Amino acid sequence: MKAHIKYFVITGLVLCQFAGKTFSQFSDKRQAKVSSYAFGDKLSNPKGDGSLAESRVSQPALISFSKSFQDVSQIKWFRVKKLYEVDFLKNENQSKCLYNVKGRLIYSVLYGSEKDLPGAVKRIVKREYYDYNITKVFEIQQGHRDIWLIDMEYDKNLLTVRVEGGLMEELNNFIRSQ
Protein backbone atom coordinates (compact mmCIF):
# COMPACT_ATOMS: atom_id res chain seq x y z
CA MET A 1 0.00 0.00 0.00
CA LYS A 2 2.85 2.40 0.86
CA ALA A 3 4.39 1.63 -2.55
CA HIS A 4 1.16 2.71 -4.25
CA ILE A 5 1.04 5.96 -2.29
CA LYS A 6 4.69 6.72 -3.14
CA TYR A 7 3.93 5.98 -6.81
CA PHE A 8 0.94 8.39 -6.85
CA VAL A 9 2.85 11.11 -4.97
CA ILE A 10 5.89 10.89 -7.25
CA THR A 11 3.69 10.74 -10.36
CA GLY A 12 1.72 13.75 -9.10
CA LEU A 13 4.91 15.75 -8.48
CA VAL A 14 6.27 14.91 -11.93
CA LEU A 15 2.98 15.91 -13.56
CA CYS A 16 2.87 19.17 -11.61
CA GLN A 17 6.42 20.00 -12.65
CA PHE A 18 5.67 19.11 -16.30
CA ALA A 19 2.43 21.11 -16.24
CA GLY A 20 4.21 24.08 -14.70
CA LYS A 21 6.79 24.09 -17.48
CA THR A 22 4.10 23.73 -20.13
CA PHE A 23 2.02 26.62 -18.82
CA SER A 24 5.06 28.80 -18.25
CA GLN A 25 5.98 28.33 -21.94
CA PHE A 26 2.41 29.22 -22.88
CA SER A 27 2.70 32.30 -20.73
CA ASP A 28 5.99 33.26 -22.43
CA LYS A 29 4.46 32.83 -25.88
CA ARG A 30 1.49 34.90 -24.85
CA GLN A 31 3.76 37.66 -23.59
CA ALA A 32 5.72 37.55 -26.85
CA LYS A 33 2.54 38.48 -28.75
CA VAL A 34 2.24 41.62 -26.65
CA SER A 35 5.57 42.90 -27.84
CA SER A 36 7.13 46.31 -27.83
CA TYR A 37 6.18 46.65 -31.52
CA ALA A 38 2.56 47.23 -30.59
CA PHE A 39 3.29 49.73 -27.85
CA GLY A 40 6.26 51.43 -29.47
CA ASP A 41 9.01 51.52 -26.87
CA LYS A 42 12.11 53.55 -27.73
CA LEU A 43 14.28 50.49 -28.43
CA SER A 44 12.10 49.12 -31.20
CA ASN A 45 10.47 52.38 -32.28
CA PRO A 46 13.00 55.20 -31.87
CA LYS A 47 11.20 57.59 -34.25
CA GLY A 48 7.86 57.25 -32.44
CA ASP A 49 6.01 56.64 -35.73
CA GLY A 50 5.48 52.88 -35.47
CA SER A 51 8.59 52.04 -37.48
CA LEU A 52 11.24 49.59 -36.29
CA ALA A 53 14.89 50.20 -35.61
CA GLU A 54 16.97 48.23 -38.13
CA SER A 55 18.37 46.16 -35.27
CA ARG A 56 14.84 44.73 -34.82
CA VAL A 57 14.59 43.60 -38.47
CA SER A 58 15.83 40.15 -39.51
CA GLN A 59 19.31 40.17 -41.07
CA PRO A 60 18.20 38.21 -44.18
CA ALA A 61 15.44 40.77 -44.87
CA LEU A 62 17.89 43.67 -44.51
CA ILE A 63 20.43 42.00 -46.81
CA SER A 64 17.82 41.10 -49.43
CA PHE A 65 16.48 44.66 -49.46
CA SER A 66 19.92 46.27 -49.74
CA LYS A 67 20.85 43.96 -52.65
CA SER A 68 17.60 44.65 -54.51
CA PHE A 69 17.28 48.41 -53.98
CA GLN A 70 20.19 50.82 -54.19
CA ASP A 71 19.94 54.62 -54.20
CA VAL A 72 16.90 54.75 -51.94
CA SER A 73 16.17 57.12 -49.07
CA GLN A 74 13.80 57.60 -46.12
CA ILE A 75 13.79 53.88 -45.30
CA LYS A 76 11.31 52.83 -42.60
CA TRP A 77 10.74 49.25 -41.48
CA PHE A 78 7.46 48.00 -39.99
CA ARG A 79 6.37 44.69 -38.52
CA VAL A 80 3.27 43.17 -40.17
CA LYS A 81 2.41 40.01 -38.22
CA LYS A 82 5.43 37.75 -38.92
CA LEU A 83 6.60 39.77 -41.94
CA TYR A 84 8.62 42.94 -42.46
CA GLU A 85 7.37 45.85 -44.55
CA VAL A 86 9.80 48.50 -45.72
CA ASP A 87 8.64 51.89 -47.02
CA PHE A 88 11.15 54.03 -48.90
CA LEU A 89 11.68 56.65 -51.59
CA LYS A 90 13.12 55.62 -54.93
CA ASN A 91 13.54 58.27 -57.63
CA GLU A 92 11.47 60.58 -55.40
CA ASN A 93 8.54 58.14 -55.52
CA GLN A 94 7.10 56.34 -52.51
CA SER A 95 7.56 52.56 -52.65
CA LYS A 96 7.12 49.56 -50.38
CA CYS A 97 8.15 45.92 -50.11
CA LEU A 98 7.15 43.01 -47.93
CA TYR A 99 9.73 40.41 -46.81
CA ASN A 100 9.48 37.28 -44.72
CA VAL A 101 11.88 36.58 -41.85
CA LYS A 102 14.19 34.60 -44.16
CA GLY A 103 14.55 37.57 -46.52
CA ARG A 104 12.31 36.29 -49.32
CA LEU A 105 10.48 39.10 -51.14
CA ILE A 106 6.73 38.56 -50.91
CA TYR A 107 5.85 41.55 -53.09
CA SER A 108 6.94 45.06 -53.94
CA VAL A 109 4.92 48.08 -55.02
CA LEU A 110 6.78 50.88 -56.77
CA TYR A 111 4.84 54.08 -57.39
CA GLY A 112 5.69 56.41 -60.23
CA SER A 113 4.61 58.45 -63.22
CA GLU A 114 4.70 58.08 -67.00
CA LYS A 115 8.48 58.58 -67.09
CA ASP A 116 8.91 55.46 -64.89
CA LEU A 117 6.98 53.27 -67.33
CA PRO A 118 9.10 50.95 -69.53
CA GLY A 119 8.88 51.65 -73.25
CA ALA A 120 7.30 48.28 -74.11
CA VAL A 121 4.50 48.73 -71.56
CA LYS A 122 3.94 52.34 -72.63
CA ARG A 123 3.60 51.27 -76.30
CA ILE A 124 0.97 48.66 -75.34
CA VAL A 125 -1.07 51.28 -73.48
CA LYS A 126 -0.67 54.14 -75.97
CA ARG A 127 -1.58 51.88 -78.92
CA GLU A 128 -5.17 51.79 -77.66
CA TYR A 129 -5.39 54.88 -75.43
CA TYR A 130 -3.27 57.37 -77.43
CA ASP A 131 -5.32 60.43 -76.36
CA TYR A 132 -5.12 59.65 -72.64
CA ASN A 133 -2.60 61.23 -70.25
CA ILE A 134 -0.93 58.79 -67.90
CA THR A 135 -1.24 60.20 -64.37
CA LYS A 136 0.00 57.41 -62.07
CA VAL A 137 1.90 54.18 -62.51
CA PHE A 138 2.17 51.28 -60.05
CA GLU A 139 4.61 48.42 -60.60
CA ILE A 140 3.77 45.34 -58.55
CA GLN A 141 6.25 42.48 -58.40
CA GLN A 142 5.11 39.25 -56.83
CA GLY A 143 7.02 36.05 -57.35
CA HIS A 144 7.78 35.91 -61.07
CA ARG A 145 4.92 38.26 -61.93
CA ASP A 146 5.49 41.85 -63.02
CA ILE A 147 2.18 43.74 -63.04
CA TRP A 148 1.68 47.35 -64.09
CA LEU A 149 -1.39 49.34 -63.01
CA ILE A 150 -1.76 52.58 -64.97
CA ASP A 151 -4.16 55.42 -64.15
CA MET A 152 -5.06 57.66 -67.10
CA GLU A 153 -7.39 60.52 -67.88
CA TYR A 154 -8.82 62.12 -70.98
CA ASP A 155 -11.33 64.94 -70.83
CA LYS A 156 -13.86 63.62 -68.25
CA ASN A 157 -12.82 59.97 -68.50
CA LEU A 158 -10.75 58.31 -65.77
CA LEU A 159 -9.35 54.91 -66.63
CA THR A 160 -7.24 52.24 -64.94
CA VAL A 161 -5.62 49.43 -66.93
CA ARG A 162 -3.48 46.49 -65.93
CA VAL A 163 -0.61 45.24 -68.08
CA GLU A 164 0.94 41.85 -67.35
CA GLY A 165 2.96 39.68 -69.68
CA GLY A 166 2.28 41.91 -72.67
CA LEU A 167 -1.51 41.74 -72.22
CA MET A 168 -3.64 44.73 -71.24
CA GLU A 169 -6.91 44.62 -69.32
CA GLU A 170 -9.20 47.54 -68.51
CA LEU A 171 -10.03 47.54 -64.79
CA ASN A 172 -11.97 50.77 -64.18
CA ASN A 173 -13.58 53.32 -66.46
CA PHE A 174 -15.26 56.30 -64.83
CA ILE A 175 -16.73 59.53 -66.12
CA ARG A 176 -15.95 62.50 -63.90
CA SER A 177 -18.91 64.68 -63.01
CA GLN A 178 -18.48 68.44 -63.00
C-alpha atoms as a PDB file:
ATOM      1  CA  MET A   1       0.000   0.000   0.000  1.00  0.00           C
ATOM      2  CA  LYS A   2       2.854   2.403   0.865  1.00  0.00           C
ATOM      3  CA  ALA A   3       4.394   1.634  -2.546  1.00  0.00           C
ATOM      4  CA  HIS A   4       1.162   2.711  -4.249  1.00  0.00           C
ATOM      5  CA  ILE A   5       1.036   5.965  -2.288  1.00  0.00           C
ATOM      6  CA  LYS A   6       4.692   6.721  -3.136  1.00  0.00           C
ATOM      7  CA  TYR A   7       3.934   5.976  -6.806  1.00  0.00           C
ATOM      8  CA  PHE A   8       0.941   8.386  -6.850  1.00  0.00           C
ATOM      9  CA  VAL A   9       2.849  11.110  -4.971  1.00  0.00           C
ATOM     10  CA  ILE A  10       5.886  10.889  -7.253  1.00  0.00           C
ATOM     11  CA  THR A  11       3.689  10.744 -10.365  1.00  0.00           C
ATOM     12  CA  GLY A  12       1.718  13.749  -9.098  1.00  0.00           C
ATOM     13  CA  LEU A  13       4.906  15.750  -8.478  1.00  0.00           C
ATOM     14  CA  VAL A  14       6.275  14.915 -11.932  1.00  0.00           C
ATOM     15  CA  LEU A  15       2.977  15.907 -13.563  1.00  0.00           C
ATOM     16  CA  CYS A  16       2.867  19.169 -11.612  1.00  0.00           C
ATOM     17  CA  GLN A  17       6.416  19.995 -12.646  1.00  0.00           C
ATOM     18  CA  PHE A  18       5.671  19.109 -16.300  1.00  0.00           C
ATOM     19  CA  ALA A  19       2.426  21.108 -16.244  1.00  0.00           C
ATOM     20  CA  GLY A  20       4.210  24.082 -14.699  1.00  0.00           C
ATOM     21  CA  LYS A  21       6.794  24.090 -17.483  1.00  0.00           C
ATOM     22  CA  THR A  22       4.104  23.735 -20.133  1.00  0.00           C
ATOM     23  CA  PHE A  23       2.024  26.615 -18.822  1.00  0.00           C
ATOM     24  CA  SER A  24       5.061  28.805 -18.254  1.00  0.00           C
ATOM     25  CA  GLN A  25       5.979  28.329 -21.940  1.00  0.00           C
ATOM     26  CA  PHE A  26       2.415  29.218 -22.884  1.00  0.00           C
ATOM     27  CA  SER A  27       2.703  32.300 -20.731  1.00  0.00           C
ATOM     28  CA  ASP A  28       5.994  33.263 -22.430  1.00  0.00           C
ATOM     29  CA  LYS A  29       4.464  32.832 -25.882  1.00  0.00           C
ATOM     30  CA  ARG A  30       1.491  34.904 -24.854  1.00  0.00           C
ATOM     31  CA  GLN A  31       3.756  37.657 -23.586  1.00  0.00           C
ATOM     32  CA  ALA A  32       5.722  37.547 -26.849  1.00  0.00           C
ATOM     33  CA  LYS A  33       2.538  38.484 -28.748  1.00  0.00           C
ATOM     34  CA  VAL A  34       2.237  41.621 -26.654  1.00  0.00           C
ATOM     35  CA  SER A  35       5.571  42.905 -27.838  1.00  0.00           C
ATOM     36  CA  SER A  36       7.131  46.310 -27.835  1.00  0.00           C
ATOM     37  CA  TYR A  37       6.183  46.647 -31.522  1.00  0.00           C
ATOM     38  CA  ALA A  38       2.558  47.227 -30.587  1.00  0.00           C
ATOM     39  CA  PHE A  39       3.293  49.726 -27.850  1.00  0.00           C
ATOM     40  CA  GLY A  40       6.256  51.434 -29.468  1.00  0.00           C
ATOM     41  CA  ASP A  41       9.009  51.517 -26.869  1.00  0.00           C
ATOM     42  CA  LYS A  42      12.110  53.550 -27.728  1.00  0.00           C
ATOM     43  CA  LEU A  43      14.283  50.492 -28.431  1.00  0.00           C
ATOM     44  CA  SER A  44      12.096  49.115 -31.199  1.00  0.00           C
ATOM     45  CA  ASN A  45      10.475  52.384 -32.280  1.00  0.00           C
ATOM     46  CA  PRO A  46      13.000  55.199 -31.874  1.00  0.00           C
ATOM     47  CA  LYS A  47      11.196  57.586 -34.251  1.00  0.00           C
ATOM     48  CA  GLY A  48       7.859  57.250 -32.443  1.00  0.00           C
ATOM     49  CA  ASP A  49       6.010  56.637 -35.731  1.00  0.00           C
ATOM     50  CA  GLY A  50       5.477  52.875 -35.468  1.00  0.00           C
ATOM     51  CA  SER A  51       8.592  52.039 -37.477  1.00  0.00           C
ATOM     52  CA  LEU A  52      11.242  49.594 -36.290  1.00  0.00           C
ATOM     53  CA  ALA A  53      14.892  50.196 -35.610  1.00  0.00           C
ATOM     54  CA  GLU A  54      16.968  48.227 -38.133  1.00  0.00           C
ATOM     55  CA  SER A  55      18.367  46.156 -35.266  1.00  0.00           C
ATOM     56  CA  ARG A  56      14.839  44.731 -34.817  1.00  0.00           C
ATOM     57  CA  VAL A  57      14.587  43.597 -38.472  1.00  0.00           C
ATOM     58  CA  SER A  58      15.826  40.149 -39.507  1.00  0.00           C
ATOM     59  CA  GLN A  59      19.311  40.170 -41.074  1.00  0.00           C
ATOM     60  CA  PRO A  60      18.199  38.214 -44.176  1.00  0.00           C
ATOM     61  CA  ALA A  61      15.437  40.771 -44.865  1.00  0.00           C
ATOM     62  CA  LEU A  62      17.892  43.675 -44.513  1.00  0.00           C
ATOM     63  CA  ILE A  63      20.427  42.003 -46.808  1.00  0.00           C
ATOM     64  CA  SER A  64      17.823  41.098 -49.433  1.00  0.00           C
ATOM     65  CA  PHE A  65      16.478  44.658 -49.458  1.00  0.00           C
ATOM     66  CA  SER A  66      19.924  46.266 -49.735  1.00  0.00           C
ATOM     67  CA  LYS A  67      20.848  43.957 -52.649  1.00  0.00           C
ATOM     68  CA  SER A  68      17.600  44.653 -54.511  1.00  0.00           C
ATOM     69  CA  PHE A  69      17.276  48.408 -53.978  1.00  0.00           C
ATOM     70  CA  GLN A  70      20.187  50.817 -54.186  1.00  0.00           C
ATOM     71  CA  ASP A  71      19.941  54.618 -54.205  1.00  0.00           C
ATOM     72  CA  VAL A  72      16.904  54.753 -51.935  1.00  0.00           C
ATOM     73  CA  SER A  73      16.170  57.124 -49.070  1.00  0.00           C
ATOM     74  CA  GLN A  74      13.804  57.596 -46.120  1.00  0.00           C
ATOM     75  CA  ILE A  75      13.793  53.884 -45.298  1.00  0.00           C
ATOM     76  CA  LYS A  76      11.314  52.825 -42.604  1.00  0.00           C
ATOM     77  CA  TRP A  77      10.740  49.250 -41.481  1.00  0.00           C
ATOM     78  CA  PHE A  78       7.461  48.001 -39.987  1.00  0.00           C
ATOM     79  CA  ARG A  79       6.369  44.691 -38.522  1.00  0.00           C
ATOM     80  CA  VAL A  80       3.272  43.168 -40.165  1.00  0.00           C
ATOM     81  CA  LYS A  81       2.413  40.008 -38.224  1.00  0.00           C
ATOM     82  CA  LYS A  82       5.425  37.755 -38.919  1.00  0.00           C
ATOM     83  CA  LEU A  83       6.597  39.770 -41.941  1.00  0.00           C
ATOM     84  CA  TYR A  84       8.624  42.942 -42.458  1.00  0.00           C
ATOM     85  CA  GLU A  85       7.372  45.854 -44.550  1.00  0.00           C
ATOM     86  CA  VAL A  86       9.795  48.498 -45.721  1.00  0.00           C
ATOM     87  CA  ASP A  87       8.645  51.890 -47.017  1.00  0.00           C
ATOM     88  CA  PHE A  88      11.151  54.034 -48.902  1.00  0.00           C
ATOM     89  CA  LEU A  89      11.676  56.652 -51.591  1.00  0.00           C
ATOM     90  CA  LYS A  90      13.121  55.616 -54.933  1.00  0.00           C
ATOM     91  CA  ASN A  91      13.535  58.274 -57.634  1.00  0.00           C
ATOM     92  CA  GLU A  92      11.472  60.582 -55.399  1.00  0.00           C
ATOM     93  CA  ASN A  93       8.544  58.135 -55.519  1.00  0.00           C
ATOM     94  CA  GLN A  94       7.100  56.336 -52.514  1.00  0.00           C
ATOM     95  CA  SER A  95       7.557  52.556 -52.653  1.00  0.00           C
ATOM     96  CA  LYS A  96       7.125  49.561 -50.375  1.00  0.00           C
ATOM     97  CA  CYS A  97       8.149  45.918 -50.113  1.00  0.00           C
ATOM     98  CA  LEU A  98       7.153  43.012 -47.927  1.00  0.00           C
ATOM     99  CA  TYR A  99       9.726  40.406 -46.808  1.00  0.00           C
ATOM    100  CA  ASN A 100       9.483  37.283 -44.724  1.00  0.00           C
ATOM    101  CA  VAL A 101      11.879  36.579 -41.847  1.00  0.00           C
ATOM    102  CA  LYS A 102      14.187  34.599 -44.160  1.00  0.00           C
ATOM    103  CA  GLY A 103      14.553  37.571 -46.517  1.00  0.00           C
ATOM    104  CA  ARG A 104      12.307  36.291 -49.317  1.00  0.00           C
ATOM    105  CA  LEU A 105      10.480  39.098 -51.141  1.00  0.00           C
ATOM    106  CA  ILE A 106       6.728  38.556 -50.914  1.00  0.00           C
ATOM    107  CA  TYR A 107       5.847  41.551 -53.085  1.00  0.00           C
ATOM    108  CA  SER A 108       6.943  45.065 -53.935  1.00  0.00           C
ATOM    109  CA  VAL A 109       4.923  48.085 -55.017  1.00  0.00           C
ATOM    110  CA  LEU A 110       6.781  50.881 -56.771  1.00  0.00           C
ATOM    111  CA  TYR A 111       4.842  54.084 -57.392  1.00  0.00           C
ATOM    112  CA  GLY A 112       5.689  56.411 -60.235  1.00  0.00           C
ATOM    113  CA  SER A 113       4.611  58.453 -63.222  1.00  0.00           C
ATOM    114  CA  GLU A 114       4.704  58.077 -66.997  1.00  0.00           C
ATOM    115  CA  LYS A 115       8.481  58.583 -67.088  1.00  0.00           C
ATOM    116  CA  ASP A 116       8.915  55.462 -64.894  1.00  0.00           C
ATOM    117  CA  LEU A 117       6.981  53.266 -67.333  1.00  0.00           C
ATOM    118  CA  PRO A 118       9.104  50.953 -69.526  1.00  0.00           C
ATOM    119  CA  GLY A 119       8.883  51.652 -73.253  1.00  0.00           C
ATOM    120  CA  ALA A 120       7.300  48.278 -74.106  1.00  0.00           C
ATOM    121  CA  VAL A 121       4.503  48.732 -71.561  1.00  0.00           C
ATOM    122  CA  LYS A 122       3.943  52.337 -72.631  1.00  0.00           C
ATOM    123  CA  ARG A 123       3.599  51.273 -76.297  1.00  0.00           C
ATOM    124  CA  ILE A 124       0.968  48.660 -75.345  1.00  0.00           C
ATOM    125  CA  VAL A 125      -1.068  51.278 -73.484  1.00  0.00           C
ATOM    126  CA  LYS A 126      -0.667  54.144 -75.971  1.00  0.00           C
ATOM    127  CA  ARG A 127      -1.581  51.885 -78.917  1.00  0.00           C
ATOM    128  CA  GLU A 128      -5.174  51.793 -77.663  1.00  0.00           C
ATOM    129  CA  TYR A 129      -5.385  54.884 -75.434  1.00  0.00           C
ATOM    130  CA  TYR A 130      -3.272  57.367 -77.428  1.00  0.00           C
ATOM    131  CA  ASP A 131      -5.315  60.431 -76.358  1.00  0.00           C
ATOM    132  CA  TYR A 132      -5.119  59.647 -72.636  1.00  0.00           C
ATOM    133  CA  ASN A 133      -2.602  61.226 -70.255  1.00  0.00           C
ATOM    134  CA  ILE A 134      -0.927  58.788 -67.902  1.00  0.00           C
ATOM    135  CA  THR A 135      -1.238  60.198 -64.374  1.00  0.00           C
ATOM    136  CA  LYS A 136      -0.003  57.407 -62.072  1.00  0.00           C
ATOM    137  CA  VAL A 137       1.902  54.179 -62.508  1.00  0.00           C
ATOM    138  CA  PHE A 138       2.175  51.279 -60.054  1.00  0.00           C
ATOM    139  CA  GLU A 139       4.610  48.422 -60.598  1.00  0.00           C
ATOM    140  CA  ILE A 140       3.770  45.339 -58.553  1.00  0.00           C
ATOM    141  CA  GLN A 141       6.252  42.482 -58.401  1.00  0.00           C
ATOM    142  CA  GLN A 142       5.113  39.249 -56.830  1.00  0.00           C
ATOM    143  CA  GLY A 143       7.024  36.051 -57.350  1.00  0.00           C
ATOM    144  CA  HIS A 144       7.783  35.912 -61.068  1.00  0.00           C
ATOM    145  CA  ARG A 145       4.923  38.256 -61.934  1.00  0.00           C
ATOM    146  CA  ASP A 146       5.488  41.854 -63.018  1.00  0.00           C
ATOM    147  CA  ILE A 147       2.180  43.738 -63.040  1.00  0.00           C
ATOM    148  CA  TRP A 148       1.675  47.355 -64.085  1.00  0.00           C
ATOM    149  CA  LEU A 149      -1.394  49.345 -63.007  1.00  0.00           C
ATOM    150  CA  ILE A 150      -1.763  52.575 -64.967  1.00  0.00           C
ATOM    151  CA  ASP A 151      -4.162  55.417 -64.154  1.00  0.00           C
ATOM    152  CA  MET A 152      -5.057  57.659 -67.096  1.00  0.00           C
ATOM    153  CA  GLU A 153      -7.392  60.519 -67.885  1.00  0.00           C
ATOM    154  CA  TYR A 154      -8.825  62.120 -70.979  1.00  0.00           C
ATOM    155  CA  ASP A 155     -11.329  64.945 -70.826  1.00  0.00           C
ATOM    156  CA  LYS A 156     -13.860  63.620 -68.252  1.00  0.00           C
ATOM    157  CA  ASN A 157     -12.817  59.973 -68.504  1.00  0.00           C
ATOM    158  CA  LEU A 158     -10.753  58.311 -65.768  1.00  0.00           C
ATOM    159  CA  LEU A 159      -9.346  54.911 -66.628  1.00  0.00           C
ATOM    160  CA  THR A 160      -7.241  52.235 -64.937  1.00  0.00           C
ATOM    161  CA  VAL A 161      -5.616  49.434 -66.926  1.00  0.00           C
ATOM    162  CA  ARG A 162      -3.479  46.488 -65.931  1.00  0.00           C
ATOM    163  CA  VAL A 163      -0.608  45.235 -68.076  1.00  0.00           C
ATOM    164  CA  GLU A 164       0.937  41.851 -67.348  1.00  0.00           C
ATOM    165  CA  GLY A 165       2.962  39.680 -69.679  1.00  0.00           C
ATOM    166  CA  GLY A 166       2.285  41.915 -72.669  1.00  0.00           C
ATOM    167  CA  LEU A 167      -1.508  41.739 -72.225  1.00  0.00           C
ATOM    168  CA  MET A 168      -3.639  44.730 -71.242  1.00  0.00           C
ATOM    169  CA  GLU A 169      -6.911  44.620 -69.321  1.00  0.00           C
ATOM    170  CA  GLU A 170      -9.203  47.539 -68.509  1.00  0.00           C
ATOM    171  CA  LEU A 171     -10.033  47.539 -64.789  1.00  0.00           C
ATOM    172  CA  ASN A 172     -11.970  50.771 -64.180  1.00  0.00           C
ATOM    173  CA  ASN A 173     -13.579  53.320 -66.457  1.00  0.00           C
ATOM    174  CA  PHE A 174     -15.262  56.302 -64.829  1.00  0.00           C
ATOM    175  CA  ILE A 175     -16.734  59.530 -66.123  1.00  0.00           C
ATOM    176  CA  ARG A 176     -15.947  62.495 -63.903  1.00  0.00           C
ATOM    177  CA  SER A 177     -18.913  64.683 -63.006  1.00  0.00           C
ATOM    178  CA  GLN A 178     -18.480  68.442 -62.995  1.00  0.00           C
END
